[in-house]
Amino acid sequence: AEFQERALVELGQDALKAGRYAEAVNHFRMQLSKHASGGEVNLGRFLLGVCLLQQTARQPGVPDKPDDKKAREEALGLFRSVIADIDAQRSRSTERDLWLR
């Protein structure tokens, strides 16, 4: 299970780096649904939030798309859940967890 989770995160990261945000969102959502308590959950939440924000980025003077506000709120919720999870496990936090926070 941990290898599958890591593979989903890496596929999502590759798609994110290539600017394929919708594909990356799908990988991170799958990772989070299949491995909700996995070791990569906070990284997946963080990167999903980044993807959602990238999808809502707009050019000056261009109005928001109808779902942009919802996506931004979901991203904020994901970032807050990363912080809350890391704060709850302070004694077991890794260096990466502290960086994510």
N, C-alpha and C. Protein backbone atom coordinates (compact mmCIF):
# COMPACT_ATOMS: atom_id res chain seq x y z
N ALA A 1 0.82 -1.20 0.00
CA ALA A 1 0.00 0.00 0.00
C ALA A 1 0.86 1.26 0.00
N GLU A 2 1.98 1.23 0.73
CA GLU A 2 2.81 2.43 0.79
C GLU A 2 3.47 2.73 -0.56
N PHE A 3 3.77 1.69 -1.34
CA PHE A 3 4.36 1.90 -2.66
C PHE A 3 3.32 2.48 -3.62
N GLN A 4 2.09 2.01 -3.51
CA GLN A 4 1.02 2.54 -4.35
C GLN A 4 0.76 4.00 -3.99
N GLU A 5 0.75 4.29 -2.71
CA GLU A 5 0.54 5.67 -2.29
C GLU A 5 1.65 6.57 -2.82
N ARG A 6 2.88 6.13 -2.66
CA ARG A 6 4.02 6.93 -3.13
C ARG A 6 3.96 7.13 -4.65
N ALA A 7 3.56 6.07 -5.38
CA ALA A 7 3.44 6.18 -6.84
C ALA A 7 2.40 7.22 -7.23
N LEU A 8 1.28 7.24 -6.54
CA LEU A 8 0.24 8.23 -6.84
C LEU A 8 0.75 9.65 -6.58
N VAL A 9 1.49 9.82 -5.49
CA VAL A 9 2.05 11.14 -5.18
C VAL A 9 3.04 11.55 -6.27
N GLU A 10 3.90 10.63 -6.68
CA GLU A 10 4.89 10.96 -7.70
C GLU A 10 4.24 11.26 -9.06
N LEU A 11 3.20 10.50 -9.41
CA LEU A 11 2.48 10.80 -10.65
C LEU A 11 1.84 12.19 -10.58
N GLY A 12 1.28 12.51 -9.43
CA GLY A 12 0.69 13.83 -9.25
C GLY A 12 1.73 14.93 -9.33
N GLN A 13 2.89 14.71 -8.72
CA GLN A 13 3.96 15.70 -8.76
C GLN A 13 4.44 15.92 -10.19
N ASP A 14 4.60 14.84 -10.95
CA ASP A 14 5.03 14.97 -12.35
C ASP A 14 4.03 15.79 -13.15
N ALA A 15 2.73 15.50 -12.96
CA ALA A 15 1.69 16.24 -13.68
C ALA A 15 1.69 17.70 -13.24
N LEU A 16 1.87 17.96 -11.95
CA LEU A 16 1.91 19.32 -11.43
C LEU A 16 3.07 20.10 -12.05
N LYS A 17 4.24 19.50 -12.08
CA LYS A 17 5.41 20.18 -12.66
C LYS A 17 5.22 20.48 -14.14
N ALA A 18 4.46 19.63 -14.84
CA ALA A 18 4.23 19.81 -16.27
C ALA A 18 3.05 20.75 -16.55
N GLY A 19 2.39 21.23 -15.49
CA GLY A 19 1.28 22.14 -15.67
C GLY A 19 -0.04 21.46 -16.01
N ARG A 20 -0.10 20.14 -15.83
CA ARG A 20 -1.33 19.39 -16.08
C ARG A 20 -2.08 19.27 -14.76
N TYR A 21 -2.69 20.38 -14.34
CA TYR A 21 -3.26 20.48 -13.01
C TYR A 21 -4.45 19.56 -12.78
N ALA A 22 -5.31 19.42 -13.77
CA ALA A 22 -6.48 18.54 -13.61
C ALA A 22 -6.03 17.09 -13.41
N GLU A 23 -5.02 16.67 -14.14
CA GLU A 23 -4.49 15.31 -13.98
C GLU A 23 -3.86 15.15 -12.60
N ALA A 24 -3.12 16.15 -12.17
CA ALA A 24 -2.49 16.10 -10.84
C ALA A 24 -3.54 16.03 -9.75
N VAL A 25 -4.60 16.82 -9.89
CA VAL A 25 -5.70 16.80 -8.91
C VAL A 25 -6.26 15.39 -8.81
N ASN A 26 -6.47 14.74 -9.94
CA ASN A 26 -7.01 13.37 -9.93
C ASN A 26 -6.10 12.41 -9.18
N HIS A 27 -4.79 12.50 -9.40
CA HIS A 27 -3.85 11.62 -8.71
C HIS A 27 -3.86 11.87 -7.20
N PHE A 28 -3.85 13.14 -6.80
CA PHE A 28 -3.83 13.45 -5.37
C PHE A 28 -5.15 13.08 -4.70
N ARG A 29 -6.25 13.29 -5.38
CA ARG A 29 -7.54 12.89 -4.80
C ARG A 29 -7.61 11.37 -4.63
N MET A 30 -7.10 10.63 -5.61
CA MET A 30 -7.08 9.18 -5.50
C MET A 30 -6.18 8.74 -4.34
N GLN A 31 -5.03 9.36 -4.23
CA GLN A 31 -4.11 9.04 -3.13
C GLN A 31 -4.77 9.29 -1.78
N LEU A 32 -5.44 10.42 -1.65
CA LEU A 32 -6.05 10.76 -0.37
C LEU A 32 -7.26 9.89 -0.05
N SER A 33 -7.98 9.47 -1.06
CA SER A 33 -9.15 8.62 -0.79
C SER A 33 -8.74 7.18 -0.48
N LYS A 34 -7.72 6.68 -1.17
CA LYS A 34 -7.29 5.29 -0.95
C LYS A 34 -6.36 5.13 0.24
N HIS A 35 -5.66 6.19 0.59
CA HIS A 35 -4.65 6.11 1.65
C HIS A 35 -4.84 7.28 2.64
N ALA A 36 -6.03 7.38 3.17
CA ALA A 36 -6.38 8.51 4.04
C ALA A 36 -5.52 8.63 5.29
N SER A 37 -4.93 7.54 5.72
CA SER A 37 -4.06 7.59 6.90
C SER A 37 -2.63 7.18 6.56
N GLY A 38 -2.28 7.29 5.29
CA GLY A 38 -0.94 6.90 4.85
C GLY A 38 0.13 7.90 5.25
N GLY A 39 1.35 7.52 5.04
CA GLY A 39 2.48 8.36 5.41
C GLY A 39 2.66 9.60 4.55
N GLU A 40 2.01 9.63 3.39
CA GLU A 40 2.16 10.75 2.47
C GLU A 40 0.92 11.66 2.47
N VAL A 41 0.03 11.47 3.44
CA VAL A 41 -1.25 12.19 3.43
C VAL A 41 -1.07 13.70 3.47
N ASN A 42 -0.17 14.19 4.30
CA ASN A 42 0.01 15.65 4.39
C ASN A 42 0.63 16.22 3.13
N LEU A 43 1.56 15.50 2.53
CA LEU A 43 2.14 15.95 1.27
C LEU A 43 1.06 15.98 0.19
N GLY A 44 0.23 14.94 0.15
CA GLY A 44 -0.85 14.91 -0.83
C GLY A 44 -1.83 16.04 -0.65
N ARG A 45 -2.18 16.34 0.60
CA ARG A 45 -3.10 17.46 0.87
C ARG A 45 -2.49 18.79 0.41
N PHE A 46 -1.23 18.98 0.77
CA PHE A 46 -0.54 20.22 0.40
C PHE A 46 -0.49 20.39 -1.11
N LEU A 47 -0.07 19.34 -1.82
CA LEU A 47 0.07 19.43 -3.27
C LEU A 47 -1.29 19.55 -3.96
N LEU A 48 -2.31 18.91 -3.43
CA LEU A 48 -3.66 19.07 -3.97
C LEU A 48 -4.09 20.53 -3.84
N GLY A 49 -3.82 21.12 -2.69
CA GLY A 49 -4.14 22.54 -2.49
C GLY A 49 -3.41 23.43 -3.48
N VAL A 50 -2.14 23.14 -3.73
CA VAL A 50 -1.37 23.91 -4.71
C VAL A 50 -2.00 23.79 -6.09
N CYS A 51 -2.38 22.57 -6.48
CA CYS A 51 -3.02 22.36 -7.78
C CYS A 51 -4.32 23.14 -7.90
N LEU A 52 -5.12 23.09 -6.86
CA LEU A 52 -6.39 23.81 -6.89
C LEU A 52 -6.16 25.31 -7.06
N LEU A 53 -5.15 25.85 -6.38
CA LEU A 53 -4.86 27.28 -6.52
C LEU A 53 -4.34 27.59 -7.92
N GLN A 54 -3.52 26.70 -8.47
CA GLN A 54 -3.02 26.92 -9.83
C GLN A 54 -4.15 26.92 -10.84
N GLN A 55 -5.13 26.07 -10.63
CA GLN A 55 -6.26 26.02 -11.56
C GLN A 55 -7.11 27.28 -11.49
N THR A 56 -7.07 27.99 -10.37
CA THR A 56 -7.89 29.19 -10.22
C THR A 56 -7.11 30.47 -10.52
N ALA A 57 -5.84 30.34 -10.86
CA ALA A 57 -5.04 31.52 -11.20
C ALA A 57 -5.64 32.15 -12.46
N ARG A 58 -5.65 33.45 -12.49
CA ARG A 58 -6.25 34.13 -13.64
C ARG A 58 -5.41 35.32 -14.05
N GLN A 59 -5.69 35.78 -15.22
CA GLN A 59 -5.03 36.97 -15.75
C GLN A 59 -5.76 38.21 -15.23
N PRO A 60 -5.05 39.32 -15.07
CA PRO A 60 -5.71 40.56 -14.64
C PRO A 60 -6.84 40.93 -15.60
N GLY A 61 -7.97 41.32 -15.03
CA GLY A 61 -9.11 41.75 -15.82
C GLY A 61 -10.01 40.62 -16.30
N VAL A 62 -9.60 39.37 -16.04
CA VAL A 62 -10.41 38.23 -16.45
C VAL A 62 -11.23 37.79 -15.24
N PRO A 63 -12.54 37.66 -15.38
CA PRO A 63 -13.36 37.28 -14.22
C PRO A 63 -13.12 35.83 -13.79
N ASP A 64 -13.42 35.57 -12.53
CA ASP A 64 -13.32 34.20 -12.00
C ASP A 64 -14.27 33.27 -12.74
N LYS A 65 -13.86 32.01 -12.83
CA LYS A 65 -14.78 30.98 -13.32
C LYS A 65 -15.73 30.64 -12.17
N PRO A 66 -16.87 30.07 -12.45
CA PRO A 66 -17.87 29.81 -11.40
C PRO A 66 -17.35 28.98 -10.21
N ASP A 67 -16.47 28.04 -10.44
CA ASP A 67 -16.02 27.16 -9.35
C ASP A 67 -14.74 27.63 -8.67
N ASP A 68 -14.19 28.76 -9.07
CA ASP A 68 -12.91 29.21 -8.51
C ASP A 68 -12.98 29.45 -7.00
N LYS A 69 -14.03 30.10 -6.54
CA LYS A 69 -14.13 30.39 -5.10
C LYS A 69 -14.18 29.10 -4.30
N LYS A 70 -14.94 28.13 -4.77
CA LYS A 70 -15.05 26.84 -4.09
C LYS A 70 -13.69 26.13 -4.06
N ALA A 71 -12.95 26.18 -5.17
CA ALA A 71 -11.63 25.54 -5.22
C ALA A 71 -10.66 26.21 -4.26
N ARG A 72 -10.70 27.53 -4.18
CA ARG A 72 -9.81 28.25 -3.26
C ARG A 72 -10.15 27.92 -1.80
N GLU A 73 -11.43 27.82 -1.50
CA GLU A 73 -11.84 27.45 -0.15
C GLU A 73 -11.40 26.03 0.19
N GLU A 74 -11.51 25.12 -0.77
CA GLU A 74 -11.04 23.75 -0.54
C GLU A 74 -9.54 23.73 -0.30
N ALA A 75 -8.79 24.51 -1.07
CA ALA A 75 -7.34 24.58 -0.89
C ALA A 75 -7.00 25.08 0.51
N LEU A 76 -7.68 26.13 0.94
CA LEU A 76 -7.44 26.67 2.28
C LEU A 76 -7.75 25.61 3.35
N GLY A 77 -8.84 24.88 3.17
CA GLY A 77 -9.18 23.81 4.11
C GLY A 77 -8.11 22.72 4.14
N LEU A 78 -7.57 22.38 2.98
CA LEU A 78 -6.50 21.37 2.92
C LEU A 78 -5.26 21.86 3.65
N PHE A 79 -4.87 23.11 3.43
CA PHE A 79 -3.70 23.66 4.11
C PHE A 79 -3.91 23.68 5.63
N ARG A 80 -5.11 24.05 6.04
CA ARG A 80 -5.40 24.07 7.48
C ARG A 80 -5.36 22.66 8.07
N SER A 81 -5.82 21.67 7.31
CA SER A 81 -5.80 20.29 7.83
C SER A 81 -4.38 19.77 7.95
N VAL A 82 -3.50 20.19 7.05
CA VAL A 82 -2.08 19.81 7.16
C VAL A 82 -1.51 20.37 8.45
N ILE A 83 -1.75 21.64 8.71
CA ILE A 83 -1.23 22.29 9.92
C ILE A 83 -1.80 21.63 11.17
N ALA A 84 -3.11 21.39 11.19
CA ALA A 84 -3.75 20.79 12.36
C ALA A 84 -3.20 19.38 12.61
N ASP A 85 -3.01 18.60 11.55
CA ASP A 85 -2.50 17.24 11.71
C ASP A 85 -1.07 17.25 12.25
N ILE A 86 -0.25 18.13 11.72
CA ILE A 86 1.15 18.20 12.18
C ILE A 86 1.20 18.71 13.62
N ASP A 87 0.38 19.69 13.95
CA ASP A 87 0.35 20.19 15.33
C ASP A 87 -0.10 19.10 16.30
N ALA A 88 -1.02 18.25 15.87
CA ALA A 88 -1.53 17.19 16.74
C ALA A 88 -0.49 16.12 17.00
N GLN A 89 0.45 15.95 16.10
CA GLN A 89 1.47 14.91 16.28
C GLN A 89 2.87 15.51 16.43
N ARG A 90 2.97 16.62 17.09
CA ARG A 90 4.24 17.35 17.26
C ARG A 90 5.41 16.44 17.61
N SER A 91 5.22 15.50 18.50
CA SER A 91 6.34 14.67 18.95
C SER A 91 6.81 13.71 17.87
N ARG A 92 5.96 13.40 16.89
CA ARG A 92 6.34 12.46 15.83
C ARG A 92 6.57 13.14 14.49
N SER A 93 6.56 14.46 14.46
CA SER A 93 6.69 15.18 13.20
C SER A 93 8.09 15.01 12.62
N THR A 94 8.12 14.84 11.32
CA THR A 94 9.39 14.73 10.62
C THR A 94 9.82 16.11 10.14
N GLU A 95 11.02 16.19 9.59
CA GLU A 95 11.50 17.45 9.05
C GLU A 95 10.60 17.94 7.93
N ARG A 96 10.16 16.98 7.09
CA ARG A 96 9.26 17.35 5.99
C ARG A 96 7.95 17.88 6.51
N ASP A 97 7.41 17.26 7.58
CA ASP A 97 6.17 17.75 8.17
C ASP A 97 6.31 19.20 8.62
N LEU A 98 7.44 19.48 9.26
CA LEU A 98 7.66 20.85 9.74
C LEU A 98 7.80 21.82 8.57
N TRP A 99 8.42 21.38 7.47
CA TRP A 99 8.51 22.21 6.26
C TRP A 99 7.11 22.45 5.69
N LEU A 100 6.30 21.40 5.62
CA LEU A 100 4.94 21.54 5.09
C LEU A 100 4.13 22.51 5.92
N ARG A 101 4.33 22.45 7.24
CA ARG A 101 3.61 23.34 8.13
C ARG A 101 3.97 24.78 7.84
